[in-house]
């Protein structure tokens, strides 16, 4: 027996009920999806649910690695503040007779100095120690590189000291020293290391009428403004630069500044105070460094003023100088009257603005204690001495330059510390 056919009215009722249930179900699904949307995405899309936002501390900024650094100096250690201690075990680093590169203006023993006490002092920072100078590390670090000292005869003394500290590790036939550019450039080569240590004569850093490395005794000094590239072209490609300039600026008078060229028939010269002229040079040097040196691969140093001892202001004879001085100045607060604090202030102000990191070697205070370390009369004289001078040795004593070995070896120990352990103060 066949089932009775459904009436049209009963089919409509069942279809309507189905639609109601379907709409209700779909609405429920949509509601759940809205509430638990991320969970559905995770399930069906196989994705990680989005983590709730959390407030976290910013990641520490990685400090730029300093070129040539091999370690860290002692925290809070000011290597330029300390005292001199007698040390007969480790001083001197070399003998005068062992280093053939010392100029005759600095060979005090060869020229008759009777004592060697000036060679036996070691700089001891307060509360910490200087890293021991390691000649092997220095040579390995400049393998395939150039190191250059730029400045005047005081910087040349530091340059020669560096060579004396290193050359014994190099066989005689694998090293050489030559001069170029009318003796303005001196190059010491360590052939097995493909390395050079160089000195470039530029007493003002800028072009001047004192740029002849041999004949440069000019009383009326003239410096050309904006001329850093005259010498700077010889500094390009150097990996470690050590600048100094101070002594030649201190004339006791205003400086003569050339606005044009030395080739001009009519020269326009203006006068600036020592401080303003020195600031001009510092600005030029810093601009050149910023444009030509890579702070990630190279290092730039600046050695502060080297003191003289020509006024006896340490408590000696009035008007006396370094002649016949064989002991140190023991007053820790001593600051020679010729050490111009105004110049140091210029350096502080200009270096503070520099975008390029300059490492300052503050040798002024520690060197001011060493009235015993100058060449005095024990050097090759430029001119024959007169009978009047011979009768009064103090009248021709050199109280500017330093005997080698001696004080300037310490300058290079400080350079070594700052080069390889740069985070010390």
Protein backbone atom coordinates (compact mmCIF):
# COMPACT_ATOMS: atom_id res chain seq x y z
CA UNK A 1 0.00 0.00 0.00
CA UNK A 2 1.45 3.27 -1.02
CA UNK A 3 1.89 6.03 1.38
CA UNK A 4 -0.49 8.83 0.81
CA UNK A 5 1.05 11.75 -1.00
CA UNK A 6 1.97 14.68 1.07
CA UNK A 7 -0.24 17.57 0.78
CA UNK A 8 1.25 20.82 -0.41
CA UNK A 9 0.45 22.41 2.87
CA UNK A 10 2.43 19.85 4.96
CA UNK A 11 5.58 20.31 2.73
CA UNK A 12 5.55 24.02 3.26
CA UNK A 13 5.40 23.62 6.99
CA UNK A 14 8.38 21.21 7.10
CA UNK A 15 10.46 23.38 4.76
CA UNK A 16 9.78 26.42 6.87
CA UNK A 17 10.86 24.62 10.03
CA UNK A 18 14.08 23.46 8.35
CA UNK A 19 14.94 26.99 7.25
CA UNK A 20 14.38 28.32 10.75
CA UNK A 21 16.69 25.71 12.24
CA UNK A 22 19.31 26.36 9.56
CA UNK A 23 19.32 30.12 10.08
CA UNK A 24 19.55 29.62 13.84
CA UNK A 25 22.50 27.26 13.44
CA UNK A 26 24.31 29.59 11.05
CA UNK A 27 23.77 32.55 13.36
CA UNK A 28 25.20 30.52 16.25
CA UNK A 29 28.27 29.57 14.20
CA UNK A 30 28.88 33.19 13.19
CA UNK A 31 28.55 34.32 16.79
CA UNK A 32 31.05 31.72 17.98
CA UNK A 33 33.40 32.58 15.16
CA UNK A 34 33.35 36.24 16.14
CA UNK A 35 34.05 35.43 19.78
CA UNK A 36 36.67 32.76 19.13
CA UNK A 37 37.91 33.85 15.76
CA UNK A 38 41.63 33.42 16.52
CA UNK A 39 41.03 29.87 17.72
CA UNK A 40 39.24 28.97 14.49
CA UNK A 41 42.03 30.48 12.47
CA UNK A 42 44.49 28.37 14.43
CA UNK A 43 42.55 25.19 13.88
CA UNK A 44 41.72 25.61 10.25
CA UNK A 45 44.66 27.64 9.14
CA UNK A 46 47.20 25.80 11.28
CA UNK A 47 48.58 29.16 12.45
CA UNK A 48 49.97 30.21 15.79
CA UNK A 49 47.52 32.38 17.71
CA UNK A 50 48.58 35.98 17.99
CA UNK A 51 50.26 36.50 21.36
CA UNK A 52 48.91 39.27 23.52
CA UNK A 53 50.95 42.46 23.34
CA UNK A 54 53.44 42.80 26.20
CA UNK A 55 55.41 45.86 27.25
CA UNK A 56 59.09 44.93 27.29
CA UNK A 57 62.32 46.79 27.82
CA UNK A 58 64.08 47.83 24.60
CA UNK A 59 66.82 45.51 23.44
CA UNK A 60 70.26 46.74 24.53
CA UNK A 61 72.03 48.70 21.81
CA UNK A 62 75.16 46.90 20.73
CA UNK A 63 78.13 49.16 21.11
CA UNK A 64 80.34 49.57 18.06
CA UNK A 65 83.50 47.52 18.28
CA UNK A 66 86.53 49.75 18.55
CA UNK A 67 89.20 49.11 15.95
CA UNK A 68 92.33 47.36 17.26
CA UNK A 69 90.81 46.70 20.71
CA UNK A 70 91.76 43.36 22.26
CA UNK A 71 90.33 43.83 25.74
CA UNK A 72 88.90 46.21 28.25
CA UNK A 73 90.76 48.52 30.57
CA UNK A 74 90.00 48.69 34.25
CA UNK A 75 86.72 50.43 34.97
CA UNK A 76 87.16 53.89 36.44
CA UNK A 77 90.90 53.88 35.83
CA UNK A 78 92.37 57.21 34.74
CA UNK A 79 95.72 56.15 33.34
CA UNK A 80 96.87 59.78 33.11
CA UNK A 81 96.55 60.38 36.85
CA UNK A 82 99.25 58.78 38.96
CA UNK A 83 102.83 59.04 40.13
CA UNK A 84 106.32 58.14 39.01
CA UNK A 85 107.95 55.14 40.70
CA UNK A 86 111.55 54.06 40.43
CA UNK A 87 111.91 50.78 38.56
CA UNK A 88 115.34 49.34 37.86
CA UNK A 89 113.95 45.93 36.83
CA UNK A 90 111.91 46.91 33.76
CA UNK A 91 113.39 50.29 32.84
CA UNK A 92 114.71 51.31 30.43
CA UNK A 93 112.93 49.31 27.72
CA UNK A 94 116.06 49.50 25.54
CA UNK A 95 119.52 51.00 25.59
CA UNK A 96 120.39 54.14 23.68
CA UNK A 97 123.23 52.34 21.90
CA UNK A 98 120.89 49.55 20.77
CA UNK A 99 118.58 51.78 18.75
CA UNK A 100 120.29 53.31 15.71
CA UNK A 101 117.22 55.38 14.79
CA UNK A 102 117.48 57.99 17.57
CA UNK A 103 118.39 61.42 16.20
CA UNK A 104 121.62 62.93 17.57
CA UNK A 105 119.52 65.68 19.14
CA UNK A 106 118.13 63.06 21.57
CA UNK A 107 121.12 60.82 22.31
CA UNK A 108 122.04 62.21 25.72
CA UNK A 109 124.47 59.47 26.75
CA UNK A 110 126.43 59.77 23.52
CA UNK A 111 126.74 63.50 24.14
CA UNK A 112 128.14 63.23 27.63
CA UNK A 113 125.26 63.03 30.10
CA UNK A 114 126.90 61.53 33.20
CA UNK A 115 123.82 59.95 34.82
CA UNK A 116 121.15 57.45 33.72
CA UNK A 117 118.62 58.02 36.50
CA UNK A 118 116.16 59.64 34.10
CA UNK A 119 115.77 56.26 32.38
CA UNK A 120 114.58 54.36 35.45
CA UNK A 121 111.15 55.74 36.16
CA UNK A 122 107.82 54.05 35.47
CA UNK A 123 104.42 55.75 35.40
CA UNK A 124 102.02 54.23 37.92
CA UNK A 125 98.34 55.27 37.64
CA UNK A 126 96.43 55.63 40.90
CA UNK A 127 94.51 52.47 41.81
CA UNK A 128 95.29 50.52 38.64
CA UNK A 129 98.11 49.46 36.35
CA UNK A 130 99.12 50.25 32.81
CA UNK A 131 99.02 47.25 30.47
CA UNK A 132 102.53 46.01 29.84
CA UNK A 133 103.83 47.15 26.47
CA UNK A 134 103.78 44.14 24.13
CA UNK A 135 105.90 44.68 21.02
CA UNK A 136 104.69 41.45 19.41
CA UNK A 137 101.05 42.45 19.78
CA UNK A 138 101.78 45.88 18.34
CA UNK A 139 103.54 44.48 15.28
CA UNK A 140 100.91 41.82 14.65
CA UNK A 141 98.15 44.41 14.95
CA UNK A 142 99.67 46.67 12.30
CA UNK A 143 100.37 43.81 9.90
CA UNK A 144 99.44 45.07 6.44
CA UNK A 145 98.71 48.54 7.85
CA UNK A 146 100.15 52.03 8.22
CA UNK A 147 100.74 53.91 11.45
CA UNK A 148 101.68 57.58 11.21
CA UNK A 149 102.75 60.32 13.62
CA UNK A 150 102.00 63.83 12.33
CA UNK A 151 103.30 67.03 13.89
CA UNK A 152 106.51 68.63 15.11
CA UNK A 153 109.83 67.44 16.54
CA UNK A 154 108.19 66.36 19.80
CA UNK A 155 105.94 64.00 17.88
CA UNK A 156 108.98 62.84 15.95
CA UNK A 157 110.57 61.94 19.28
CA UNK A 158 107.54 59.82 20.15
CA UNK A 159 107.72 58.24 16.70
CA UNK A 160 111.36 57.28 17.16
CA UNK A 161 110.57 55.93 20.62
CA UNK A 162 107.94 53.63 19.08
CA UNK A 163 110.44 52.30 16.58
CA UNK A 164 113.00 51.70 19.31
CA UNK A 165 110.38 49.74 21.27
CA UNK A 166 109.65 47.49 18.28
CA UNK A 167 112.68 47.15 16.02
CA UNK A 168 114.52 44.46 18.03
CA UNK A 169 111.87 41.92 17.03
CA UNK A 170 112.63 42.48 13.35
CA UNK A 171 115.74 40.94 11.70
CA UNK A 172 118.20 43.52 10.45
CA UNK A 173 117.71 42.68 6.78
CA UNK A 174 113.90 42.81 7.11
CA UNK A 175 113.58 46.44 8.20
CA UNK A 176 114.44 49.79 6.69
CA UNK A 177 114.02 53.53 7.18
CA UNK A 178 113.81 56.03 4.34
CA UNK A 179 112.85 59.68 3.89
CA UNK A 180 110.75 61.24 1.14
CA UNK A 181 109.32 64.59 0.07
CA UNK A 182 112.40 66.60 1.09
CA UNK A 183 112.58 64.76 4.43
CA UNK A 184 109.01 65.72 5.34
CA UNK A 185 108.05 62.02 5.39
CA UNK A 186 110.07 59.36 7.19
CA UNK A 187 109.02 55.73 6.75
CA UNK A 188 110.14 52.76 8.83
CA UNK A 189 109.16 49.46 7.20
CA UNK A 190 108.80 46.06 8.83
CA UNK A 191 108.91 43.91 5.71
CA UNK A 192 107.76 40.61 7.19
CA UNK A 193 104.66 42.37 8.49
CA UNK A 194 104.06 44.46 5.37
CA UNK A 195 103.69 47.32 7.85
CA UNK A 196 104.99 50.85 8.07
CA UNK A 197 105.42 53.32 10.92
CA UNK A 198 105.77 56.84 9.56
CA UNK A 199 106.41 60.39 10.62
CA UNK A 200 105.16 63.43 8.70
CA UNK A 201 106.52 66.88 9.49
CA UNK A 202 103.69 69.43 9.83
CA UNK A 203 104.26 71.56 12.95
CA UNK A 204 100.98 73.46 12.47
CA UNK A 205 99.12 70.65 10.64
CA UNK A 206 98.09 73.42 8.24
CA UNK A 207 100.42 74.71 5.51
CA UNK A 208 102.95 77.22 6.82
CA UNK A 209 106.24 78.88 6.06
CA UNK A 210 107.83 76.37 8.46
CA UNK A 211 107.07 73.26 6.41
CA UNK A 212 110.65 72.56 5.38
CA UNK A 213 111.56 69.58 7.56
CA UNK A 214 115.26 70.56 7.64
CA UNK A 215 115.36 74.36 7.51
CA UNK A 216 112.45 75.69 9.53
CA UNK A 217 113.78 78.17 12.06
CA UNK A 218 111.53 81.07 11.12
CA UNK A 219 110.85 83.76 13.69
CA UNK A 220 107.85 85.28 11.90
CA UNK A 221 105.64 82.28 11.46
CA UNK A 222 102.79 82.37 8.95
CA UNK A 223 100.03 79.77 8.75
CA UNK A 224 97.72 79.47 5.76
CA UNK A 225 94.04 79.24 6.64
CA UNK A 226 92.00 76.34 5.24
CA UNK A 227 95.06 74.48 3.93
CA UNK A 228 94.78 71.12 5.74
CA UNK A 229 94.70 69.20 2.44
CA UNK A 230 98.20 70.42 1.51
CA UNK A 231 99.55 67.92 4.04
CA UNK A 232 96.45 65.77 4.47
CA UNK A 233 96.82 64.18 1.06
CA UNK A 234 99.86 62.36 2.49
CA UNK A 235 97.85 61.01 5.44
CA UNK A 236 95.15 59.26 3.42
CA UNK A 237 95.07 55.49 3.77
CA UNK A 238 96.67 55.52 7.23
CA UNK A 239 95.12 53.14 9.79
CA UNK A 240 96.45 54.71 13.01
CA UNK A 241 97.08 58.48 13.12
CA UNK A 242 98.80 60.22 16.03
CA UNK A 243 98.62 64.02 15.82
CA UNK A 244 100.31 66.71 17.87
CA UNK A 245 100.63 70.46 17.45
CA UNK A 246 101.28 73.00 20.17
CA UNK A 247 104.84 74.23 20.56
CA UNK A 248 105.01 76.25 17.35
CA UNK A 249 101.82 78.16 18.15
CA UNK A 250 103.24 79.58 21.39
CA UNK A 251 105.15 82.64 20.22
CA UNK A 252 104.02 85.07 22.89
CA UNK A 253 102.45 87.16 20.12
CA UNK A 254 99.42 86.97 17.85
CA UNK A 255 99.66 84.49 14.99
CA UNK A 256 100.01 85.59 11.36
CA UNK A 257 97.28 83.92 9.27
CA UNK A 258 97.48 83.94 5.47
CA UNK A 259 94.08 84.17 3.78
CA UNK A 260 95.22 83.47 0.23
CA UNK A 261 98.15 81.48 -1.13
CA UNK A 262 101.88 81.64 -0.51
CA UNK A 263 102.19 81.99 -4.31
CA UNK A 264 100.25 85.26 -4.38
CA UNK A 265 102.29 88.36 -5.14
CA UNK A 266 100.19 90.41 -2.77
CA UNK A 267 99.60 88.44 0.42
CA UNK A 268 96.68 89.18 2.71
CA UNK A 269 97.72 88.43 6.29
CA UNK A 270 95.54 88.88 9.35
CA UNK A 271 96.44 88.36 12.98
CA UNK A 272 94.64 86.10 15.42
CA UNK A 273 95.26 85.37 19.07
CA UNK A 274 97.01 82.11 19.83
CA UNK A 275 93.76 80.57 21.04
CA UNK A 276 91.72 81.62 17.99
CA UNK A 277 94.43 80.50 15.58
CA UNK A 278 94.78 77.18 17.39
CA UNK A 279 90.99 76.69 17.28
CA UNK A 280 91.12 77.27 13.52
CA UNK A 281 93.65 74.45 13.20
CA UNK A 282 91.66 72.08 15.42
CA UNK A 283 88.50 72.65 13.38
CA UNK A 284 90.38 71.94 10.16
CA UNK A 285 91.96 68.78 11.54
CA UNK A 286 88.65 67.42 12.85
CA UNK A 287 86.92 68.16 9.56
CA UNK A 288 89.65 66.34 7.65
CA UNK A 289 89.47 63.33 9.98
CA UNK A 290 85.69 63.11 9.67
CA UNK A 291 85.87 63.17 5.87
CA UNK A 292 88.82 60.83 5.40
CA UNK A 293 88.96 58.30 8.25
CA UNK A 294 86.66 55.31 8.89
CA UNK A 295 85.73 55.15 12.60
CA UNK A 296 85.03 51.41 12.27
CA UNK A 297 88.47 50.52 10.95
CA UNK A 298 90.89 53.26 11.94
CA UNK A 299 91.98 55.11 15.09
CA UNK A 300 92.97 58.73 15.59
CA UNK A 301 94.96 60.00 18.58
CA UNK A 302 95.95 63.48 19.67
CA UNK A 303 98.87 64.04 22.03
CA UNK A 304 98.50 67.03 24.35
CA UNK A 305 101.09 69.74 24.92
CA UNK A 306 104.56 68.74 26.04
CA UNK A 307 105.76 70.98 28.90
CA UNK A 308 109.05 72.84 29.08
CA UNK A 309 111.08 73.58 32.22
CA UNK A 310 112.71 76.93 31.68
CA UNK A 311 111.50 79.19 34.46
CA UNK A 312 112.45 77.45 37.69
CA UNK A 313 108.86 77.74 38.90
CA UNK A 314 109.05 74.38 40.70
CA UNK A 315 110.88 75.95 43.60
CA UNK A 316 114.36 76.02 42.11
CA UNK A 317 116.53 78.99 41.37
CA UNK A 318 114.52 81.96 40.08
CA UNK A 319 114.78 81.97 36.32
CA UNK A 320 116.51 78.60 36.36
CA UNK A 321 115.85 75.85 33.86
CA UNK A 322 116.35 72.13 33.35
CA UNK A 323 120.14 72.33 33.23
CA UNK A 324 121.75 70.08 35.83
CA UNK A 325 118.35 68.81 37.03
CA UNK A 326 118.46 65.12 37.88
CA UNK A 327 115.46 64.71 40.17
CA UNK A 328 111.70 64.77 39.64
CA UNK A 329 109.24 67.42 40.79
CA UNK A 330 107.45 65.85 43.74
CA UNK A 331 104.59 68.30 44.16
CA UNK A 332 101.55 66.42 42.71
CA UNK A 333 99.77 69.74 42.08
CA UNK A 334 102.59 71.29 40.09
CA UNK A 335 101.53 72.83 36.79
CA UNK A 336 104.15 74.79 34.90
CA UNK A 337 103.38 78.38 34.06
CA UNK A 338 104.17 77.83 30.40
CA UNK A 339 101.54 75.11 30.02
CA UNK A 340 98.69 77.10 28.59
CA UNK A 341 95.41 75.97 30.06
CA UNK A 342 93.61 78.11 27.49
CA UNK A 343 94.95 75.83 24.75
CA UNK A 344 93.75 72.76 26.63
CA UNK A 345 90.34 74.39 26.88
CA UNK A 346 90.23 74.88 23.10
CA UNK A 347 90.99 71.18 22.62
CA UNK A 348 88.31 70.19 25.11
CA UNK A 349 85.68 72.37 23.45
CA UNK A 350 86.41 71.37 19.86
CA UNK A 351 86.92 67.66 20.49
CA UNK A 352 83.65 67.64 22.42
CA UNK A 353 81.83 68.64 19.22
CA UNK A 354 83.56 66.07 17.01
CA UNK A 355 81.45 63.36 15.39
CA UNK A 356 84.58 61.28 14.92
CA UNK A 357 85.99 59.64 18.06
CA UNK A 358 89.41 61.13 18.85
CA UNK A 359 91.48 59.48 21.58
CA UNK A 360 93.20 62.16 23.65
CA UNK A 361 96.61 61.31 25.13
CA UNK A 362 96.91 63.69 28.07
CA UNK A 363 100.65 63.60 28.67
CA UNK A 364 100.95 67.18 29.95
CA UNK A 365 100.60 66.78 33.70
CA UNK A 366 102.62 63.57 34.05
CA UNK A 367 105.39 65.05 31.89
CA UNK A 368 105.47 68.28 33.88
CA UNK A 369 107.02 66.40 36.82
CA UNK A 370 110.00 65.33 34.69
CA UNK A 371 112.40 68.28 34.70
CA UNK A 372 115.15 65.67 34.84
CA UNK A 373 114.32 64.06 31.48
CA UNK A 374 115.16 66.84 28.99
CA UNK A 375 118.14 66.72 26.66
CA UNK A 376 119.50 69.88 28.28
CA UNK A 377 123.05 70.41 26.98
CA UNK A 378 123.58 66.74 26.10
CA UNK A 379 122.74 66.76 22.40
CA UNK A 380 124.10 67.66 19.00
CA UNK A 381 124.14 71.44 18.74
CA UNK A 382 122.81 73.13 15.63
CA UNK A 383 125.52 75.77 15.67
CA UNK A 384 128.97 76.01 17.26
CA UNK A 385 128.75 77.27 20.83
CA UNK A 386 130.18 80.67 21.65
CA UNK A 387 132.63 81.22 24.52
CA UNK A 388 129.85 83.01 26.41
CA UNK A 389 127.57 80.01 26.06
CA UNK A 390 130.25 77.58 27.10
CA UNK A 391 130.82 79.69 30.20
CA UNK A 392 127.09 79.48 31.03
CA UNK A 393 125.70 76.05 30.05
CA UNK A 394 122.19 76.91 31.22
CA UNK A 395 122.02 79.50 28.44
CA UNK A 396 121.90 76.85 25.71
CA UNK A 397 120.17 74.00 27.55
CA UNK A 398 117.31 72.42 25.58
CA UNK A 399 114.41 72.19 28.04
CA UNK A 400 111.88 71.28 25.37
CA UNK A 401 113.00 67.93 23.96
CA UNK A 402 113.52 64.66 25.83
CA UNK A 403 116.32 62.10 26.05
CA UNK A 404 115.72 58.62 24.63
CA UNK A 405 115.24 56.16 26.17
CA UNK A 406 113.14 58.07 28.65
CA UNK A 407 109.88 59.90 29.10
CA UNK A 408 108.53 59.48 25.57
CA UNK A 409 108.58 55.70 25.95
CA UNK A 410 105.89 56.25 28.58
CA UNK A 411 103.87 58.28 26.09
CA UNK A 412 103.87 55.20 23.86
CA UNK A 413 102.87 52.95 26.75
CA UNK A 414 99.84 55.21 27.18
CA UNK A 415 99.18 55.05 23.44
CA UNK A 416 99.43 51.25 23.62
CA UNK A 417 96.92 51.15 26.48
CA UNK A 418 94.41 53.35 24.66
CA UNK A 419 94.85 51.52 21.35
CA UNK A 420 94.24 48.02 22.69
CA UNK A 421 92.20 48.71 25.85
CA UNK A 422 90.21 51.76 24.76
CA UNK A 423 87.51 51.89 27.42
CA UNK A 424 89.86 53.06 30.16
CA UNK A 425 89.35 56.71 31.05
